[in-house]
Amino acid sequence: MSENRIRRVAEQIKKDLSQIINKQIKDPRVSAITSITDVQLSRDLRYASIYVSIYGSDIEKEETLQTLVRASGFIRSEIGRRIRLRYTPEINFYLDNSIEYGAHIEKVLKSLKEEENKDERSNENSSNA
């Protein structure tokens, strides 16, 4: 199967899955800030690995992930209804911490930049005195 078709189907699943999670799953255990970061399909389109980024505490992340895993049958049927494929992919959810990790790196870089600026200002003040 062509890589282009696999990529297009994965993008469509990602878009539809975001709508399903935000509009159709009414479970209060699903965090309000849940986003689909990536969808990877097998070459035969039978298996989908869904990477989910969840904002919140570790407990909220675990509850949201477990709720999505329990709702995977409903989600799979909705995807099958929206996208006409010979086989609706079997879904596996995985927690993706890349956004959180990126925010952490940004914070570390910002603090390093502030320390560098402080050192430069203190060196200027000592040389002027």
N, C-alpha and C. Protein backbone atom coordinates (compact mmCIF):
# COMPACT_ATOMS: atom_id res chain seq x y z
N MET A 1 0.85 -1.18 0.00
CA MET A 1 0.00 0.00 0.00
C MET A 1 0.90 1.24 0.00
N SER A 2 0.47 2.28 -0.67
CA SER A 2 1.31 3.46 -0.81
C SER A 2 1.41 4.22 0.52
N GLU A 3 2.58 4.76 0.76
CA GLU A 3 2.82 5.55 1.97
C GLU A 3 1.92 6.78 2.00
N ASN A 4 1.64 7.32 0.83
CA ASN A 4 0.80 8.51 0.75
C ASN A 4 -0.61 8.21 1.25
N ARG A 5 -1.16 7.08 0.86
CA ARG A 5 -2.51 6.71 1.30
C ARG A 5 -2.53 6.45 2.80
N ILE A 6 -1.54 5.77 3.31
CA ILE A 6 -1.46 5.50 4.74
C ILE A 6 -1.41 6.81 5.52
N ARG A 7 -0.62 7.76 5.04
CA ARG A 7 -0.51 9.06 5.70
C ARG A 7 -1.83 9.82 5.66
N ARG A 8 -2.53 9.78 4.52
CA ARG A 8 -3.81 10.47 4.40
C ARG A 8 -4.86 9.86 5.32
N VAL A 9 -4.92 8.53 5.39
CA VAL A 9 -5.88 7.85 6.26
C VAL A 9 -5.55 8.17 7.73
N ALA A 10 -4.26 8.17 8.08
CA ALA A 10 -3.85 8.49 9.46
C ALA A 10 -4.26 9.90 9.83
N GLU A 11 -4.09 10.86 8.93
CA GLU A 11 -4.49 12.24 9.20
C GLU A 11 -6.01 12.36 9.36
N GLN A 12 -6.76 11.63 8.55
CA GLN A 12 -8.22 11.66 8.66
C GLN A 12 -8.67 11.05 9.99
N ILE A 13 -8.03 9.95 10.38
CA ILE A 13 -8.36 9.33 11.67
C ILE A 13 -8.04 10.29 12.80
N LYS A 14 -6.92 10.97 12.72
CA LYS A 14 -6.52 11.94 13.75
C LYS A 14 -7.56 13.05 13.88
N LYS A 15 -8.02 13.57 12.75
CA LYS A 15 -9.02 14.64 12.76
C LYS A 15 -10.35 14.14 13.34
N ASP A 16 -10.80 12.99 12.87
CA ASP A 16 -12.07 12.45 13.35
C ASP A 16 -11.99 12.06 14.82
N LEU A 17 -10.88 11.50 15.23
CA LEU A 17 -10.70 11.09 16.61
C LEU A 17 -10.74 12.29 17.55
N SER A 18 -10.15 13.39 17.15
CA SER A 18 -10.20 14.61 17.96
C SER A 18 -11.64 15.07 18.15
N GLN A 19 -12.42 15.03 17.08
CA GLN A 19 -13.83 15.42 17.18
C GLN A 19 -14.61 14.46 18.07
N ILE A 20 -14.35 13.18 17.95
CA ILE A 20 -15.06 12.18 18.76
C ILE A 20 -14.75 12.40 20.24
N ILE A 21 -13.49 12.59 20.57
CA ILE A 21 -13.10 12.76 21.98
C ILE A 21 -13.68 14.05 22.55
N ASN A 22 -13.62 15.13 21.79
CA ASN A 22 -14.07 16.42 22.31
C ASN A 22 -15.59 16.59 22.31
N LYS A 23 -16.29 15.95 21.39
CA LYS A 23 -17.73 16.20 21.27
C LYS A 23 -18.62 15.03 21.68
N GLN A 24 -18.16 13.80 21.52
CA GLN A 24 -19.05 12.67 21.74
C GLN A 24 -18.79 11.89 23.02
N ILE A 25 -17.58 11.93 23.52
CA ILE A 25 -17.32 11.23 24.78
C ILE A 25 -17.63 12.20 25.91
N LYS A 26 -18.65 11.89 26.67
CA LYS A 26 -19.13 12.78 27.72
C LYS A 26 -18.65 12.39 29.11
N ASP A 27 -17.72 11.47 29.18
CA ASP A 27 -17.22 10.98 30.46
C ASP A 27 -16.45 12.09 31.18
N PRO A 28 -16.80 12.39 32.44
CA PRO A 28 -16.09 13.46 33.17
C PRO A 28 -14.63 13.12 33.49
N ARG A 29 -14.26 11.85 33.38
CA ARG A 29 -12.87 11.46 33.66
C ARG A 29 -11.93 11.83 32.51
N VAL A 30 -12.48 12.17 31.36
CA VAL A 30 -11.64 12.58 30.23
C VAL A 30 -11.28 14.05 30.42
N SER A 31 -9.98 14.32 30.48
CA SER A 31 -9.50 15.68 30.69
C SER A 31 -9.98 16.60 29.57
N ALA A 32 -10.28 17.84 29.93
CA ALA A 32 -10.77 18.80 28.95
C ALA A 32 -9.70 19.13 27.91
N ILE A 33 -8.45 19.06 28.33
CA ILE A 33 -7.36 19.37 27.40
C ILE A 33 -6.67 18.07 27.02
N THR A 34 -7.26 17.40 26.05
CA THR A 34 -6.74 16.15 25.52
C THR A 34 -6.57 16.33 24.02
N SER A 35 -5.38 16.05 23.53
CA SER A 35 -5.17 16.20 22.09
C SER A 35 -4.47 14.98 21.52
N ILE A 36 -4.78 14.70 20.28
CA ILE A 36 -4.17 13.60 19.55
C ILE A 36 -2.91 14.16 18.89
N THR A 37 -1.75 13.64 19.27
CA THR A 37 -0.51 14.17 18.70
C THR A 37 -0.06 13.41 17.47
N ASP A 38 -0.38 12.10 17.41
CA ASP A 38 0.07 11.33 16.26
C ASP A 38 -0.78 10.08 16.10
N VAL A 39 -0.93 9.64 14.87
CA VAL A 39 -1.59 8.37 14.55
C VAL A 39 -0.65 7.62 13.63
N GLN A 40 -0.29 6.41 14.01
CA GLN A 40 0.56 5.58 13.17
C GLN A 40 -0.21 4.32 12.81
N LEU A 41 -0.31 4.06 11.52
CA LEU A 41 -1.04 2.90 11.02
C LEU A 41 -0.08 1.84 10.52
N SER A 42 -0.51 0.59 10.66
CA SER A 42 0.26 -0.49 10.07
C SER A 42 0.09 -0.42 8.55
N ARG A 43 0.94 -1.10 7.82
CA ARG A 43 0.89 -1.03 6.36
C ARG A 43 -0.42 -1.57 5.79
N ASP A 44 -1.05 -2.52 6.50
CA ASP A 44 -2.32 -3.07 6.02
C ASP A 44 -3.54 -2.34 6.58
N LEU A 45 -3.31 -1.25 7.31
CA LEU A 45 -4.37 -0.41 7.89
C LEU A 45 -5.24 -1.14 8.92
N ARG A 46 -4.75 -2.20 9.50
CA ARG A 46 -5.55 -2.95 10.48
C ARG A 46 -5.28 -2.54 11.92
N TYR A 47 -4.15 -1.89 12.16
CA TYR A 47 -3.78 -1.50 13.52
C TYR A 47 -3.40 -0.02 13.55
N ALA A 48 -3.91 0.67 14.55
CA ALA A 48 -3.59 2.09 14.70
C ALA A 48 -3.03 2.33 16.09
N SER A 49 -1.90 2.99 16.14
CA SER A 49 -1.31 3.43 17.41
C SER A 49 -1.62 4.91 17.54
N ILE A 50 -2.39 5.25 18.57
CA ILE A 50 -2.84 6.62 18.79
C ILE A 50 -2.04 7.20 19.95
N TYR A 51 -1.35 8.31 19.70
CA TYR A 51 -0.57 8.98 20.74
C TYR A 51 -1.36 10.19 21.22
N VAL A 52 -1.60 10.22 22.55
CA VAL A 52 -2.47 11.22 23.15
C VAL A 52 -1.67 12.06 24.14
N SER A 53 -1.82 13.37 24.05
CA SER A 53 -1.22 14.28 25.02
C SER A 53 -2.34 14.79 25.92
N ILE A 54 -2.14 14.64 27.23
CA ILE A 54 -3.17 15.01 28.20
C ILE A 54 -2.57 16.01 29.16
N TYR A 55 -3.25 17.14 29.32
CA TYR A 55 -2.78 18.15 30.27
C TYR A 55 -3.45 17.91 31.61
N GLY A 56 -2.66 17.85 32.67
CA GLY A 56 -3.19 17.66 34.01
C GLY A 56 -2.22 16.89 34.88
N SER A 57 -2.69 16.51 36.06
CA SER A 57 -1.84 15.76 36.98
C SER A 57 -1.67 14.33 36.47
N ASP A 58 -0.77 13.60 37.11
CA ASP A 58 -0.52 12.22 36.71
C ASP A 58 -1.77 11.36 36.88
N ILE A 59 -2.55 11.64 37.92
CA ILE A 59 -3.78 10.88 38.16
C ILE A 59 -4.79 11.16 37.05
N GLU A 60 -4.93 12.44 36.67
CA GLU A 60 -5.86 12.80 35.59
C GLU A 60 -5.42 12.17 34.27
N LYS A 61 -4.14 12.14 34.02
CA LYS A 61 -3.62 11.53 32.79
C LYS A 61 -3.96 10.05 32.75
N GLU A 62 -3.73 9.36 33.87
CA GLU A 62 -4.00 7.92 33.92
C GLU A 62 -5.49 7.63 33.77
N GLU A 63 -6.35 8.43 34.45
CA GLU A 63 -7.80 8.23 34.33
C GLU A 63 -8.27 8.47 32.91
N THR A 64 -7.78 9.52 32.29
CA THR A 64 -8.17 9.83 30.91
C THR A 64 -7.74 8.72 29.97
N LEU A 65 -6.50 8.26 30.12
CA LEU A 65 -6.00 7.21 29.24
C LEU A 65 -6.80 5.92 29.42
N GLN A 66 -7.09 5.55 30.68
CA GLN A 66 -7.88 4.34 30.93
C GLN A 66 -9.31 4.48 30.38
N THR A 67 -9.89 5.66 30.48
CA THR A 67 -11.23 5.90 29.93
C THR A 67 -11.22 5.76 28.42
N LEU A 68 -10.19 6.28 27.76
CA LEU A 68 -10.09 6.15 26.31
C LEU A 68 -9.90 4.70 25.90
N VAL A 69 -9.12 3.95 26.67
CA VAL A 69 -8.91 2.53 26.37
C VAL A 69 -10.24 1.78 26.50
N ARG A 70 -11.02 2.09 27.56
CA ARG A 70 -12.32 1.43 27.74
C ARG A 70 -13.31 1.83 26.65
N ALA A 71 -13.17 3.05 26.12
CA ALA A 71 -14.09 3.52 25.09
C ALA A 71 -13.59 3.20 23.69
N SER A 72 -12.52 2.42 23.57
CA SER A 72 -11.94 2.18 22.25
C SER A 72 -12.90 1.46 21.31
N GLY A 73 -13.79 0.62 21.82
CA GLY A 73 -14.79 -0.04 20.97
C GLY A 73 -15.73 0.97 20.34
N PHE A 74 -16.23 1.91 21.17
CA PHE A 74 -17.10 2.97 20.66
C PHE A 74 -16.34 3.84 19.66
N ILE A 75 -15.11 4.20 20.01
CA ILE A 75 -14.31 5.06 19.13
C ILE A 75 -14.05 4.36 17.80
N ARG A 76 -13.74 3.08 17.86
CA ARG A 76 -13.48 2.32 16.64
C ARG A 76 -14.72 2.26 15.76
N SER A 77 -15.89 2.06 16.37
CA SER A 77 -17.12 2.01 15.56
C SER A 77 -17.43 3.37 14.94
N GLU A 78 -17.17 4.45 15.67
CA GLU A 78 -17.39 5.79 15.12
C GLU A 78 -16.43 6.07 13.95
N ILE A 79 -15.19 5.66 14.10
CA ILE A 79 -14.23 5.85 13.00
C ILE A 79 -14.67 5.02 11.80
N GLY A 80 -15.13 3.80 12.03
CA GLY A 80 -15.61 2.95 10.94
C GLY A 80 -16.81 3.56 10.23
N ARG A 81 -17.65 4.26 10.98
CA ARG A 81 -18.82 4.90 10.39
C ARG A 81 -18.41 6.12 9.56
N ARG A 82 -17.39 6.83 10.02
CA ARG A 82 -16.97 8.07 9.34
C ARG A 82 -16.04 7.82 8.16
N ILE A 83 -15.17 6.83 8.27
CA ILE A 83 -14.20 6.54 7.21
C ILE A 83 -14.50 5.16 6.65
N ARG A 84 -14.76 5.10 5.38
CA ARG A 84 -15.07 3.82 4.74
C ARG A 84 -13.78 3.09 4.38
N LEU A 85 -13.48 2.07 5.17
CA LEU A 85 -12.33 1.22 4.91
C LEU A 85 -12.80 -0.22 4.93
N ARG A 86 -12.07 -1.09 4.30
CA ARG A 86 -12.42 -2.50 4.32
C ARG A 86 -12.39 -3.03 5.76
N TYR A 87 -11.35 -2.65 6.49
CA TYR A 87 -11.23 -3.04 7.89
C TYR A 87 -11.03 -1.78 8.73
N THR A 88 -11.81 -1.66 9.78
CA THR A 88 -11.59 -0.54 10.70
C THR A 88 -10.41 -0.92 11.59
N PRO A 89 -9.44 -0.04 11.71
CA PRO A 89 -8.23 -0.40 12.46
C PRO A 89 -8.51 -0.67 13.95
N GLU A 90 -7.78 -1.63 14.49
CA GLU A 90 -7.81 -1.89 15.92
C GLU A 90 -6.97 -0.80 16.59
N ILE A 91 -7.50 -0.20 17.66
CA ILE A 91 -6.91 1.00 18.24
C ILE A 91 -6.15 0.67 19.52
N ASN A 92 -4.95 1.23 19.63
CA ASN A 92 -4.18 1.18 20.87
C ASN A 92 -3.78 2.60 21.23
N PHE A 93 -4.05 3.01 22.47
CA PHE A 93 -3.71 4.35 22.93
C PHE A 93 -2.40 4.34 23.70
N TYR A 94 -1.61 5.40 23.48
CA TYR A 94 -0.35 5.57 24.19
C TYR A 94 -0.24 7.01 24.66
N LEU A 95 0.29 7.21 25.85
CA LEU A 95 0.47 8.55 26.39
C LEU A 95 1.69 9.18 25.75
N ASP A 96 1.54 10.41 25.29
CA ASP A 96 2.63 11.15 24.65
C ASP A 96 2.97 12.35 25.52
N ASN A 97 4.18 12.36 26.05
CA ASN A 97 4.61 13.46 26.92
C ASN A 97 5.47 14.47 26.20
N SER A 98 5.48 14.46 24.89
CA SER A 98 6.38 15.33 24.13
C SER A 98 6.05 16.81 24.33
N ILE A 99 4.79 17.17 24.42
CA ILE A 99 4.42 18.58 24.61
C ILE A 99 4.87 19.04 26.00
N GLU A 100 4.62 18.21 27.00
CA GLU A 100 5.05 18.52 28.36
C GLU A 100 6.57 18.61 28.44
N TYR A 101 7.26 17.70 27.78
CA TYR A 101 8.72 17.71 27.77
C TYR A 101 9.24 18.97 27.08
N GLY A 102 8.61 19.37 25.98
CA GLY A 102 8.99 20.59 25.28
C GLY A 102 8.82 21.82 26.15
N ALA A 103 7.73 21.87 26.91
CA ALA A 103 7.49 22.99 27.82
C ALA A 103 8.57 23.03 28.91
N HIS A 104 8.95 21.85 29.39
CA HIS A 104 10.00 21.78 30.42
C HIS A 104 11.33 22.30 29.86
N ILE A 105 11.68 21.88 28.65
CA ILE A 105 12.92 22.33 28.02
C ILE A 105 12.90 23.84 27.82
N GLU A 106 11.76 24.36 27.40
CA GLU A 106 11.62 25.81 27.21
C GLU A 106 11.85 26.55 28.52
N LYS A 107 11.31 26.02 29.61
CA LYS A 107 11.47 26.64 30.93
C LYS A 107 12.93 26.62 31.36
N VAL A 108 13.62 25.51 31.13
CA VAL A 108 15.04 25.40 31.48
C VAL A 108 15.86 26.39 30.67
N LEU A 109 15.59 26.48 29.37
CA LEU A 109 16.33 27.42 28.52
C LEU A 109 16.09 28.86 28.95
N LYS A 110 14.85 29.17 29.32
CA LYS A 110 14.52 30.53 29.77
C LYS A 110 15.28 30.87 31.05
N SER A 111 15.33 29.92 31.99
CA SER A 111 16.05 30.19 33.25
C SER A 111 17.55 30.35 32.99
N LEU A 112 18.11 29.56 32.07
CA LEU A 112 19.52 29.71 31.73
C LEU A 112 19.80 31.08 31.10
N LYS A 113 18.90 31.52 30.25
CA LYS A 113 19.05 32.84 29.61
C LYS A 113 19.00 33.95 30.66
N GLU A 114 18.08 33.82 31.64
CA GLU A 114 17.98 34.83 32.70
C GLU A 114 19.25 34.86 33.54
N GLU A 115 19.82 33.70 33.86
CA GLU A 115 21.07 33.65 34.62
C GLU A 115 22.20 34.28 33.83
N GLU A 116 22.24 34.03 32.53
CA GLU A 116 23.27 34.61 31.68
C GLU A 116 23.16 36.13 31.66
N ASN A 117 21.93 36.64 31.57
CA ASN A 117 21.71 38.09 31.58
C ASN A 117 22.13 38.70 32.91
N LYS A 118 21.86 38.01 34.03
CA LYS A 118 22.26 38.50 35.35
C LYS A 118 23.78 38.58 35.45
N ASP A 119 24.46 37.54 34.95
CA ASP A 119 25.92 37.52 34.99
C ASP A 119 26.50 38.67 34.15
N GLU A 120 25.91 38.92 32.99
CA GLU A 120 26.39 40.01 32.13
C GLU A 120 26.19 41.35 32.81
N ARG A 121 25.04 41.55 33.46
CA ARG A 121 24.76 42.82 34.15
C ARG A 121 25.71 43.01 35.33
N SER A 122 25.98 41.95 36.08
CA SER A 122 26.89 42.08 37.23
C SER A 122 28.32 42.34 36.77
N ASN A 123 28.72 41.77 35.65
CA ASN A 123 30.06 42.05 35.10
C ASN A 123 30.17 43.48 34.62
N GLU A 124 29.12 44.02 34.01
CA GLU A 124 29.11 45.41 33.56
C GLU A 124 29.18 46.35 34.74
N ASN A 125 28.44 46.07 35.80
CA ASN A 125 28.42 46.94 36.98
C ASN A 125 29.79 46.93 37.69
N SER A 126 30.43 45.77 37.75
CA SER A 126 31.75 45.70 38.42
C SER A 126 32.82 46.39 37.60
N SER A 127 32.72 46.35 36.27
CA SER A 127 33.71 47.01 35.43
C SER A 127 33.53 48.52 35.41
N ASN A 128 32.29 49.01 35.60
CA ASN A 128 32.01 50.45 35.63
C ASN A 128 32.42 51.08 36.96
N ALA A 129 32.49 50.29 37.99
CA ALA A 129 32.80 50.85 39.30
C ALA A 129 34.24 51.14 39.52
